[in-house]
Amino acid sequence: MKKALMFALALLISVAFVTTVFAQAKPEAKPADKPAAVAPEK
């Protein structure tokens, strides 16, 4: 029972961490895409 609780807790933390990383990465990726798209046009 304790092992299942530890696994559930680890899964919850990993999901929360991944969600936080994706939330931070998406706003950074959008401004980065625009200069990358403009650069080949030059």
PDB file of N, CA and C in Angstrom:
ATOM      1  N   MET A   1       0.840  -1.208   0.000  1.00  0.00           N
ATOM      2  CA  MET A   1       0.000   0.000   0.000  1.00  0.00           C
ATOM      3  C   MET A   1       0.874   1.256   0.000  1.00  0.00           C
ATOM      4  N   LYS A   2       1.932   1.224   0.807  1.00  0.00           N
ATOM      5  CA  LYS A   2       2.824   2.382   0.889  1.00  0.00           C
ATOM      6  C   LYS A   2       3.524   2.617  -0.453  1.00  0.00           C
ATOM      7  N   LYS A   3       3.868   1.508  -1.136  1.00  0.00           N
ATOM      8  CA  LYS A   3       4.545   1.611  -2.432  1.00  0.00           C
ATOM      9  C   LYS A   3       3.627   2.269  -3.466  1.00  0.00           C
ATOM     10  N   ALA A   4       2.354   1.903  -3.441  1.00  0.00           N
ATOM     11  CA  ALA A   4       1.382   2.487  -4.373  1.00  0.00           C
ATOM     12  C   ALA A   4       1.207   3.978  -4.103  1.00  0.00           C
ATOM     13  N   LEU A   5       1.208   4.354  -2.836  1.00  0.00           N
ATOM     14  CA  LEU A   5       1.065   5.762  -2.453  1.00  0.00           C
ATOM     15  C   LEU A   5       2.279   6.567  -2.921  1.00  0.00           C
ATOM     16  N   MET A   6       3.473   5.987  -2.750  1.00  0.00           N
ATOM     17  CA  MET A   6       4.712   6.641  -3.197  1.00  0.00           C
ATOM     18  C   MET A   6       4.699   6.804  -4.716  1.00  0.00           C
ATOM     19  N   PHE A   7       4.231   5.767  -5.426  1.00  0.00           N
ATOM     20  CA  PHE A   7       4.168   5.811  -6.889  1.00  0.00           C
ATOM     21  C   PHE A   7       3.186   6.885  -7.356  1.00  0.00           C
ATOM     22  N   ALA A   8       2.030   6.946  -6.706  1.00  0.00           N
ATOM     23  CA  ALA A   8       1.019   7.955  -7.052  1.00  0.00           C
ATOM     24  C   ALA A   8       1.552   9.362  -6.801  1.00  0.00           C
ATOM     25  N   LEU A   9       2.269   9.537  -5.703  1.00  0.00           N
ATOM     26  CA  LEU A   9       2.842  10.839  -5.363  1.00  0.00           C
ATOM     27  C   LEU A   9       3.914  11.234  -6.376  1.00  0.00           C
ATOM     28  N   ALA A  10       4.771  10.272  -6.749  1.00  0.00           N
ATOM     29  CA  ALA A  10       5.823  10.531  -7.734  1.00  0.00           C
ATOM     30  C   ALA A  10       5.212  10.877  -9.093  1.00  0.00           C
ATOM     31  N   LEU A  11       4.145  10.183  -9.456  1.00  0.00           N
ATOM     32  CA  LEU A  11       3.461  10.438 -10.725  1.00  0.00           C
ATOM     33  C   LEU A  11       2.846  11.839 -10.723  1.00  0.00           C
ATOM     34  N   LEU A  12       2.221  12.211  -9.610  1.00  0.00           N
ATOM     35  CA  LEU A  12       1.601  13.535  -9.479  1.00  0.00           C
ATOM     36  C   LEU A  12       2.650  14.641  -9.592  1.00  0.00           C
ATOM     37  N   ILE A  13       3.797  14.449  -8.934  1.00  0.00           N
ATOM     38  CA  ILE A  13       4.879  15.444  -8.979  1.00  0.00           C
ATOM     39  C   ILE A  13       5.443  15.549 -10.395  1.00  0.00           C
ATOM     40  N   SER A  14       5.659  14.418 -11.053  1.00  0.00           N
ATOM     41  CA  SER A  14       6.210  14.439 -12.411  1.00  0.00           C
ATOM     42  C   SER A  14       5.244  15.102 -13.388  1.00  0.00           C
ATOM     43  N   VAL A  15       3.955  14.839 -13.254  1.00  0.00           N
ATOM     44  CA  VAL A  15       2.947  15.471 -14.116  1.00  0.00           C
ATOM     45  C   VAL A  15       2.911  16.978 -13.874  1.00  0.00           C
ATOM     46  N   ALA A  16       2.969  17.375 -12.612  1.00  0.00           N
ATOM     47  CA  ALA A  16       2.967  18.802 -12.271  1.00  0.00           C
ATOM     48  C   ALA A  16       4.220  19.488 -12.818  1.00  0.00           C
ATOM     49  N   PHE A  17       5.364  18.797 -12.724  1.00  0.00           N
ATOM     50  CA  PHE A  17       6.627  19.350 -13.224  1.00  0.00           C
ATOM     51  C   PHE A  17       6.595  19.506 -14.743  1.00  0.00           C
ATOM     52  N   VAL A  18       6.134  18.470 -15.441  1.00  0.00           N
ATOM     53  CA  VAL A  18       6.055  18.509 -16.907  1.00  0.00           C
ATOM     54  C   VAL A  18       5.088  19.606 -17.358  1.00  0.00           C
ATOM     55  N   THR A  19       3.963  19.740 -16.671  1.00  0.00           N
ATOM     56  CA  THR A  19       2.980  20.784 -17.000  1.00  0.00           C
ATOM     57  C   THR A  19       3.592  22.169 -16.837  1.00  0.00           C
ATOM     58  N   THR A  20       4.375  22.352 -15.771  1.00  0.00           N
ATOM     59  CA  THR A  20       5.036  23.640 -15.515  1.00  0.00           C
ATOM     60  C   THR A  20       6.057  23.941 -16.604  1.00  0.00           C
ATOM     61  N   VAL A  21       6.825  22.933 -17.000  1.00  0.00           N
ATOM     62  CA  VAL A  21       7.845  23.108 -18.041  1.00  0.00           C
ATOM     63  C   VAL A  21       7.182  23.470 -19.365  1.00  0.00           C
ATOM     64  N   PHE A  22       6.101  22.763 -19.730  1.00  0.00           N
ATOM     65  CA  PHE A  22       5.397  23.065 -20.981  1.00  0.00           C
ATOM     66  C   PHE A  22       4.775  24.458 -20.940  1.00  0.00           C
ATOM     67  N   ALA A  23       4.248  24.858 -19.806  1.00  0.00           N
ATOM     68  CA  ALA A  23       3.650  26.186 -19.653  1.00  0.00           C
ATOM     69  C   ALA A  23       4.703  27.284 -19.830  1.00  0.00           C
ATOM     70  N   GLN A  24       5.931  27.020 -19.384  1.00  0.00           N
ATOM     71  CA  GLN A  24       7.015  27.995 -19.538  1.00  0.00           C
ATOM     72  C   GLN A  24       7.589  27.954 -20.954  1.00  0.00           C
ATOM     73  N   ALA A  25       7.653  26.768 -21.559  1.00  0.00           N
ATOM     74  CA  ALA A  25       8.286  26.598 -22.870  1.00  0.00           C
ATOM     75  C   ALA A  25       7.422  27.176 -23.992  1.00  0.00           C
ATOM     76  N   LYS A  26       6.104  27.047 -23.909  1.00  0.00           N
ATOM     77  CA  LYS A  26       5.226  27.520 -24.986  1.00  0.00           C
ATOM     78  C   LYS A  26       5.313  29.031 -25.232  1.00  0.00           C
ATOM     79  N   PRO A  27       5.220  29.904 -24.212  1.00  0.00           N
ATOM     80  CA  PRO A  27       5.366  31.352 -24.480  1.00  0.00           C
ATOM     81  C   PRO A  27       6.744  31.716 -25.025  1.00  0.00           C
ATOM     82  N   GLU A  28       7.788  30.991 -24.615  1.00  0.00           N
ATOM     83  CA  GLU A  28       9.139  31.259 -25.113  1.00  0.00           C
ATOM     84  C   GLU A  28       9.295  30.806 -26.566  1.00  0.00           C
ATOM     85  N   ALA A  29       8.620  29.730 -26.939  1.00  0.00           N
ATOM     86  CA  ALA A  29       8.753  29.171 -28.284  1.00  0.00           C
ATOM     87  C   ALA A  29       8.099  30.077 -29.328  1.00  0.00           C
ATOM     88  N   LYS A  30       6.981  30.706 -28.996  1.00  0.00           N
ATOM     89  CA  LYS A  30       6.278  31.550 -29.966  1.00  0.00           C
ATOM     90  C   LYS A  30       7.104  32.758 -30.424  1.00  0.00           C
ATOM     91  N   PRO A  31       7.699  33.566 -29.531  1.00  0.00           N
ATOM     92  CA  PRO A  31       8.555  34.666 -30.009  1.00  0.00           C
ATOM     93  C   PRO A  31       9.796  34.155 -30.741  1.00  0.00           C
ATOM     94  N   ALA A  32      10.300  32.999 -30.355  1.00  0.00           N
ATOM     95  CA  ALA A  32      11.482  32.426 -31.003  1.00  0.00           C
ATOM     96  C   ALA A  32      11.151  31.985 -32.435  1.00  0.00           C
ATOM     97  N   ASP A  33       9.924  31.527 -32.669  1.00  0.00           N
ATOM     98  CA  ASP A  33       9.513  31.086 -34.002  1.00  0.00           C
ATOM     99  C   ASP A  33       9.444  32.253 -34.991  1.00  0.00           C
ATOM    100  N   LYS A  34       9.002  33.410 -34.537  1.00  0.00           N
ATOM    101  CA  LYS A  34       8.849  34.553 -35.443  1.00  0.00           C
ATOM    102  C   LYS A  34      10.183  35.023 -36.041  1.00  0.00           C
ATOM    103  N   PRO A  35      11.235  35.268 -35.244  1.00  0.00           N
ATOM    104  CA  PRO A  35      12.526  35.646 -35.849  1.00  0.00           C
ATOM    105  C   PRO A  35      13.080  34.541 -36.748  1.00  0.00           C
ATOM    106  N   ALA A  36      12.839  33.283 -36.393  1.00  0.00           N
ATOM    107  CA  ALA A  36      13.307  32.163 -37.205  1.00  0.00           C
ATOM    108  C   ALA A  36      12.587  32.159 -38.560  1.00  0.00           C
ATOM    109  N   ALA A  37      11.317  32.554 -38.567  1.00  0.00           N
ATOM    110  CA  ALA A  37      10.541  32.602 -39.808  1.00  0.00           C
ATOM    111  C   ALA A  37      10.927  33.827 -40.644  1.00  0.00           C
ATOM    112  N   VAL A  38      11.296  34.920 -39.985  1.00  0.00           N
ATOM    113  CA  VAL A  38      11.662  36.157 -40.688  1.00  0.00           C
ATOM    114  C   VAL A  38      13.068  36.051 -41.273  1.00  0.00           C
ATOM    115  N   ALA A  39      13.969  35.390 -40.572  1.00  0.00           N
ATOM    116  CA  ALA A  39      15.367  35.292 -41.009  1.00  0.00           C
ATOM    117  C   ALA A  39      15.521  34.661 -42.404  1.00  0.00           C
ATOM    118  N   PRO A  40      14.854  33.543 -42.727  1.00  0.00           N
ATOM    119  CA  PRO A  40      15.006  32.971 -44.081  1.00  0.00           C
ATOM    120  C   PRO A  40      14.487  33.891 -45.186  1.00  0.00           C
ATOM    121  N   GLU A  41      13.544  34.768 -44.867  1.00  0.00           N
ATOM    122  CA  GLU A  41      13.003  35.686 -45.873  1.00  0.00           C
ATOM    123  C   GLU A  41      14.045  36.702 -46.339  1.00  0.00           C
ATOM    124  N   LYS A  42      14.982  37.058 -45.473  1.00  0.00           N
ATOM    125  CA  LYS A  42      16.039  38.010 -45.832  1.00  0.00           C
ATOM    126  C   LYS A  42      16.955  37.346 -46.840  1.00  0.00           C
TER     127      LYS A  42
END
